[in-house]
Amino acid sequence: MANFFKKLSGLEDKTDSAAAPIEREDESEEAPQSEWLGGDYDEGQLSIDVFQTPNTIVVKSTIAGVKPGDIDVSINNDMLTIRGKREIQERIAEENYLIKECYWGGFSRSIILPVEVDAEKVEASLDNGVLTITLTKAKSAKQISVKVKEK
């Protein structure tokens, strides 16, 4: 357990053989990770809250630093996808960072909607860095009862 905390804090003893990286025998034959994952896996994933009211599904996400025109919201069948890009305004040399936790670059999030929605009645707004997408639930057909006859 102590080795874990040493590694996490950066105080790892470089001569400690237990902390040495494990090499795979077939590592040289493996395709680079970016090849088998495809090109879209360098995107960050948005955190979201999803809740419902009697007539709507509401999706909220914090997207600070992104202009409304740089956000794409789409619905395909029962899947909602949010995509965008957060761009850093100034260039800072990597060695000048003391702490670097903010994510800059492309981001996306897809979720399967729990109910059918009316695609014509979708609204999206950005207020103080919070994206709110309101999806109106589709009017469900009335439930009908069918009597089964014996033949």
C-alpha atoms as a PDB file:
ATOM      1  CA  MET A   1       0.000   0.000   0.000  1.00  0.00           C
ATOM      2  CA  ALA A   2       2.883   2.372   0.762  1.00  0.00           C
ATOM      3  CA  ASN A   3       4.236   1.920  -2.772  1.00  0.00           C
ATOM      4  CA  PHE A   4       0.874   3.006  -4.170  1.00  0.00           C
ATOM      5  CA  PHE A   5       0.993   6.282  -2.224  1.00  0.00           C
ATOM      6  CA  LYS A   6       4.645   6.842  -3.155  1.00  0.00           C
ATOM      7  CA  LYS A   7       3.787   6.415  -6.816  1.00  0.00           C
ATOM      8  CA  LEU A   8       0.687   8.614  -6.504  1.00  0.00           C
ATOM      9  CA  SER A   9       2.606  11.425  -4.792  1.00  0.00           C
ATOM     10  CA  GLY A  10       5.628  11.213  -7.116  1.00  0.00           C
ATOM     11  CA  LEU A  11       7.925  10.149  -4.267  1.00  0.00           C
ATOM     12  CA  GLU A  12       8.463   6.724  -5.784  1.00  0.00           C
ATOM     13  CA  ASP A  13      11.971   5.329  -5.290  1.00  0.00           C
ATOM     14  CA  LYS A  14      13.274   4.780  -8.812  1.00  0.00           C
ATOM     15  CA  THR A  15      15.534   1.935  -7.636  1.00  0.00           C
ATOM     16  CA  ASP A  16      12.631  -0.006  -6.132  1.00  0.00           C
ATOM     17  CA  SER A  17      12.243  -3.083  -8.316  1.00  0.00           C
ATOM     18  CA  ALA A  18       8.606  -3.511  -7.272  1.00  0.00           C
ATOM     19  CA  ALA A  19       7.777  -0.147  -8.838  1.00  0.00           C
ATOM     20  CA  ALA A  20       9.469  -0.959 -12.147  1.00  0.00           C
ATOM     21  CA  PRO A  21       7.095  -1.111 -15.102  1.00  0.00           C
ATOM     22  CA  ILE A  22       5.959  -4.557 -16.149  1.00  0.00           C
ATOM     23  CA  GLU A  23       6.867  -5.352 -19.739  1.00  0.00           C
ATOM     24  CA  ARG A  24       4.744  -7.613 -21.894  1.00  0.00           C
ATOM     25  CA  GLU A  25       6.333 -10.156 -24.142  1.00  0.00           C
ATOM     26  CA  ASP A  26       4.024  -9.317 -27.051  1.00  0.00           C
ATOM     27  CA  GLU A  27       4.197  -5.516 -26.571  1.00  0.00           C
ATOM     28  CA  SER A  28       6.261  -4.944 -29.704  1.00  0.00           C
ATOM     29  CA  GLU A  29       3.648  -6.759 -31.800  1.00  0.00           C
ATOM     30  CA  GLU A  30       0.647  -4.828 -30.441  1.00  0.00           C
ATOM     31  CA  ALA A  31      -0.945  -2.077 -32.498  1.00  0.00           C
ATOM     32  CA  PRO A  32      -0.725   1.375 -30.916  1.00  0.00           C
ATOM     33  CA  GLN A  33      -3.712   2.090 -28.673  1.00  0.00           C
ATOM     34  CA  SER A  34      -4.882   4.978 -30.852  1.00  0.00           C
ATOM     35  CA  GLU A  35      -5.143   2.612 -33.848  1.00  0.00           C
ATOM     36  CA  TRP A  36      -7.476   0.073 -32.279  1.00  0.00           C
ATOM     37  CA  LEU A  37      -9.536   2.647 -30.377  1.00  0.00           C
ATOM     38  CA  GLY A  38     -10.097   4.843 -33.410  1.00  0.00           C
ATOM     39  CA  GLY A  39      -9.674   8.595 -33.757  1.00  0.00           C
ATOM     40  CA  ASP A  40     -12.468   9.843 -31.473  1.00  0.00           C
ATOM     41  CA  TYR A  41     -11.061   8.540 -28.198  1.00  0.00           C
ATOM     42  CA  ASP A  42      -8.955  11.616 -27.477  1.00  0.00           C
ATOM     43  CA  GLU A  43     -12.142  13.437 -26.454  1.00  0.00           C
ATOM     44  CA  GLY A  44     -13.085  14.238 -22.901  1.00  0.00           C
ATOM     45  CA  GLN A  45     -16.387  12.973 -21.547  1.00  0.00           C
ATOM     46  CA  LEU A  46     -18.938  15.385 -20.122  1.00  0.00           C
ATOM     47  CA  SER A  47     -20.499  14.946 -16.700  1.00  0.00           C
ATOM     48  CA  ILE A  48     -24.260  15.180 -16.883  1.00  0.00           C
ATOM     49  CA  ASP A  49     -27.360  15.192 -14.721  1.00  0.00           C
ATOM     50  CA  VAL A  50     -30.534  13.733 -16.228  1.00  0.00           C
ATOM     51  CA  PHE A  51     -33.939  14.021 -14.617  1.00  0.00           C
ATOM     52  CA  GLN A  52     -37.567  13.928 -15.662  1.00  0.00           C
ATOM     53  CA  THR A  53     -40.749  15.828 -15.047  1.00  0.00           C
ATOM     54  CA  PRO A  54     -44.167  14.484 -16.022  1.00  0.00           C
ATOM     55  CA  ASN A  55     -43.751  15.896 -19.575  1.00  0.00           C
ATOM     56  CA  THR A  56     -40.006  16.299 -20.152  1.00  0.00           C
ATOM     57  CA  ILE A  57     -36.541  14.792 -19.847  1.00  0.00           C
ATOM     58  CA  VAL A  58     -33.951  17.386 -18.792  1.00  0.00           C
ATOM     59  CA  VAL A  59     -30.189  16.992 -19.324  1.00  0.00           C
ATOM     60  CA  LYS A  60     -27.775  19.412 -17.631  1.00  0.00           C
ATOM     61  CA  SER A  61     -24.024  19.682 -18.016  1.00  0.00           C
ATOM     62  CA  THR A  62     -21.394  22.203 -16.989  1.00  0.00           C
ATOM     63  CA  ILE A  63     -19.599  23.383 -20.112  1.00  0.00           C
ATOM     64  CA  ALA A  64     -17.712  26.475 -18.968  1.00  0.00           C
ATOM     65  CA  GLY A  65     -15.644  28.311 -21.552  1.00  0.00           C
ATOM     66  CA  VAL A  66     -17.555  27.088 -24.608  1.00  0.00           C
ATOM     67  CA  LYS A  67     -19.598  29.311 -26.907  1.00  0.00           C
ATOM     68  CA  PRO A  68     -23.107  28.122 -27.854  1.00  0.00           C
ATOM     69  CA  GLY A  69     -22.062  27.921 -31.523  1.00  0.00           C
ATOM     70  CA  ASP A  70     -19.310  25.434 -30.594  1.00  0.00           C
ATOM     71  CA  ILE A  71     -21.775  22.916 -29.130  1.00  0.00           C
ATOM     72  CA  ASP A  72     -23.564  20.323 -31.258  1.00  0.00           C
ATOM     73  CA  VAL A  73     -26.618  18.576 -29.810  1.00  0.00           C
ATOM     74  CA  SER A  74     -28.151  15.787 -31.891  1.00  0.00           C
ATOM     75  CA  ILE A  75     -30.718  13.038 -31.461  1.00  0.00           C
ATOM     76  CA  ASN A  76     -30.563   9.847 -33.479  1.00  0.00           C
ATOM     77  CA  ASN A  77     -33.367   7.382 -32.714  1.00  0.00           C
ATOM     78  CA  ASP A  78     -33.211   7.055 -28.913  1.00  0.00           C
ATOM     79  CA  MET A  79     -29.682   8.441 -28.434  1.00  0.00           C
ATOM     80  CA  LEU A  80     -28.817  12.016 -27.429  1.00  0.00           C
ATOM     81  CA  THR A  81     -25.280  13.173 -28.287  1.00  0.00           C
ATOM     82  CA  ILE A  82     -23.573  16.360 -27.100  1.00  0.00           C
ATOM     83  CA  ARG A  83     -20.288  17.336 -28.782  1.00  0.00           C
ATOM     84  CA  GLY A  84     -18.101  20.385 -28.627  1.00  0.00           C
ATOM     85  CA  LYS A  85     -14.643  21.778 -28.171  1.00  0.00           C
ATOM     86  CA  ARG A  86     -13.148  23.886 -25.401  1.00  0.00           C
ATOM     87  CA  GLU A  87     -10.139  25.811 -26.657  1.00  0.00           C
ATOM     88  CA  ILE A  88      -7.432  27.302 -24.488  1.00  0.00           C
ATOM     89  CA  GLN A  89      -6.952  31.008 -25.156  1.00  0.00           C
ATOM     90  CA  GLU A  90      -3.259  31.383 -24.309  1.00  0.00           C
ATOM     91  CA  ARG A  91      -0.286  29.098 -24.883  1.00  0.00           C
ATOM     92  CA  ILE A  92       1.666  28.239 -21.747  1.00  0.00           C
ATOM     93  CA  ALA A  93       4.804  26.109 -21.765  1.00  0.00           C
ATOM     94  CA  GLU A  94       4.228  22.762 -20.063  1.00  0.00           C
ATOM     95  CA  GLU A  95       7.077  23.326 -17.582  1.00  0.00           C
ATOM     96  CA  ASN A  96       5.406  26.541 -16.316  1.00  0.00           C
ATOM     97  CA  TYR A  97       2.295  24.724 -15.060  1.00  0.00           C
ATOM     98  CA  LEU A  98       2.153  24.133 -11.318  1.00  0.00           C
ATOM     99  CA  ILE A  99      -1.237  22.376 -11.472  1.00  0.00           C
ATOM    100  CA  LYS A 100      -3.039  21.348 -14.670  1.00  0.00           C
ATOM    101  CA  GLU A 101      -6.502  19.840 -14.100  1.00  0.00           C
ATOM    102  CA  CYS A 102      -8.739  21.594 -16.641  1.00  0.00           C
ATOM    103  CA  TYR A 103      -9.595  19.702 -19.802  1.00  0.00           C
ATOM    104  CA  TRP A 104      -9.040  21.506 -23.118  1.00  0.00           C
ATOM    105  CA  GLY A 105     -10.036  20.033 -26.451  1.00  0.00           C
ATOM    106  CA  GLY A 106     -12.913  18.093 -27.908  1.00  0.00           C
ATOM    107  CA  PHE A 107     -15.558  16.528 -25.685  1.00  0.00           C
ATOM    108  CA  SER A 108     -18.656  14.436 -26.186  1.00  0.00           C
ATOM    109  CA  ARG A 109     -21.293  12.477 -24.346  1.00  0.00           C
ATOM    110  CA  SER A 110     -23.968  10.142 -25.652  1.00  0.00           C
ATOM    111  CA  ILE A 111     -26.837   8.722 -23.640  1.00  0.00           C
ATOM    112  CA  ILE A 112     -29.742   6.482 -24.481  1.00  0.00           C
ATOM    113  CA  LEU A 113     -32.975   8.269 -23.704  1.00  0.00           C
ATOM    114  CA  PRO A 114     -35.262   6.342 -21.343  1.00  0.00           C
ATOM    115  CA  VAL A 115     -38.451   7.310 -23.209  1.00  0.00           C
ATOM    116  CA  GLU A 116     -39.418   8.393 -26.699  1.00  0.00           C
ATOM    117  CA  VAL A 117     -39.167  12.168 -27.217  1.00  0.00           C
ATOM    118  CA  ASP A 118     -40.676  14.597 -29.711  1.00  0.00           C
ATOM    119  CA  ALA A 119     -37.705  15.606 -31.874  1.00  0.00           C
ATOM    120  CA  GLU A 120     -39.525  18.773 -32.963  1.00  0.00           C
ATOM    121  CA  LYS A 121     -39.774  20.020 -29.371  1.00  0.00           C
ATOM    122  CA  VAL A 122     -36.154  19.925 -28.179  1.00  0.00           C
ATOM    123  CA  GLU A 123     -34.689  23.061 -26.625  1.00  0.00           C
ATOM    124  CA  ALA A 124     -31.073  23.741 -25.617  1.00  0.00           C
ATOM    125  CA  SER A 125     -29.723  26.769 -23.772  1.00  0.00           C
ATOM    126  CA  LEU A 126     -26.412  27.802 -22.226  1.00  0.00           C
ATOM    127  CA  ASP A 127     -26.566  29.982 -19.115  1.00  0.00           C
ATOM    128  CA  ASN A 128     -23.461  30.835 -17.071  1.00  0.00           C
ATOM    129  CA  GLY A 129     -21.629  27.758 -18.363  1.00  0.00           C
ATOM    130  CA  VAL A 130     -24.491  25.324 -17.706  1.00  0.00           C
ATOM    131  CA  LEU A 131     -25.987  23.605 -20.752  1.00  0.00           C
ATOM    132  CA  THR A 132     -29.648  22.649 -20.309  1.00  0.00           C
ATOM    133  CA  ILE A 133     -31.370  20.435 -22.869  1.00  0.00           C
ATOM    134  CA  THR A 134     -35.120  19.981 -22.472  1.00  0.00           C
ATOM    135  CA  LEU A 135     -36.705  17.126 -24.398  1.00  0.00           C
ATOM    136  CA  THR A 136     -40.495  16.870 -24.512  1.00  0.00           C
ATOM    137  CA  LYS A 137     -41.744  13.339 -24.021  1.00  0.00           C
ATOM    138  CA  ALA A 138     -43.676  11.976 -26.995  1.00  0.00           C
ATOM    139  CA  LYS A 139     -47.348  11.447 -26.412  1.00  0.00           C
ATOM    140  CA  SER A 140     -47.617   7.770 -25.778  1.00  0.00           C
ATOM    141  CA  ALA A 141     -50.319   5.884 -27.523  1.00  0.00           C
ATOM    142  CA  LYS A 142     -53.271   4.894 -25.414  1.00  0.00           C
ATOM    143  CA  GLN A 143     -53.008   1.431 -24.050  1.00  0.00           C
ATOM    144  CA  ILE A 144     -55.538  -0.864 -25.608  1.00  0.00           C
ATOM    145  CA  SER A 145     -56.625  -4.252 -24.502  1.00  0.00           C
ATOM    146  CA  VAL A 146     -56.936  -7.039 -27.045  1.00  0.00           C
ATOM    147  CA  LYS A 147     -59.078 -10.032 -26.252  1.00  0.00           C
ATOM    148  CA  VAL A 148     -57.544 -13.329 -27.284  1.00  0.00           C
ATOM    149  CA  LYS A 149     -59.924 -15.754 -28.982  1.00  0.00           C
ATOM    150  CA  GLU A 150     -59.575 -19.479 -28.891  1.00  0.00           C
ATOM    151  CA  LYS A 151     -59.666 -21.266 -32.246  1.00  0.00           C
END
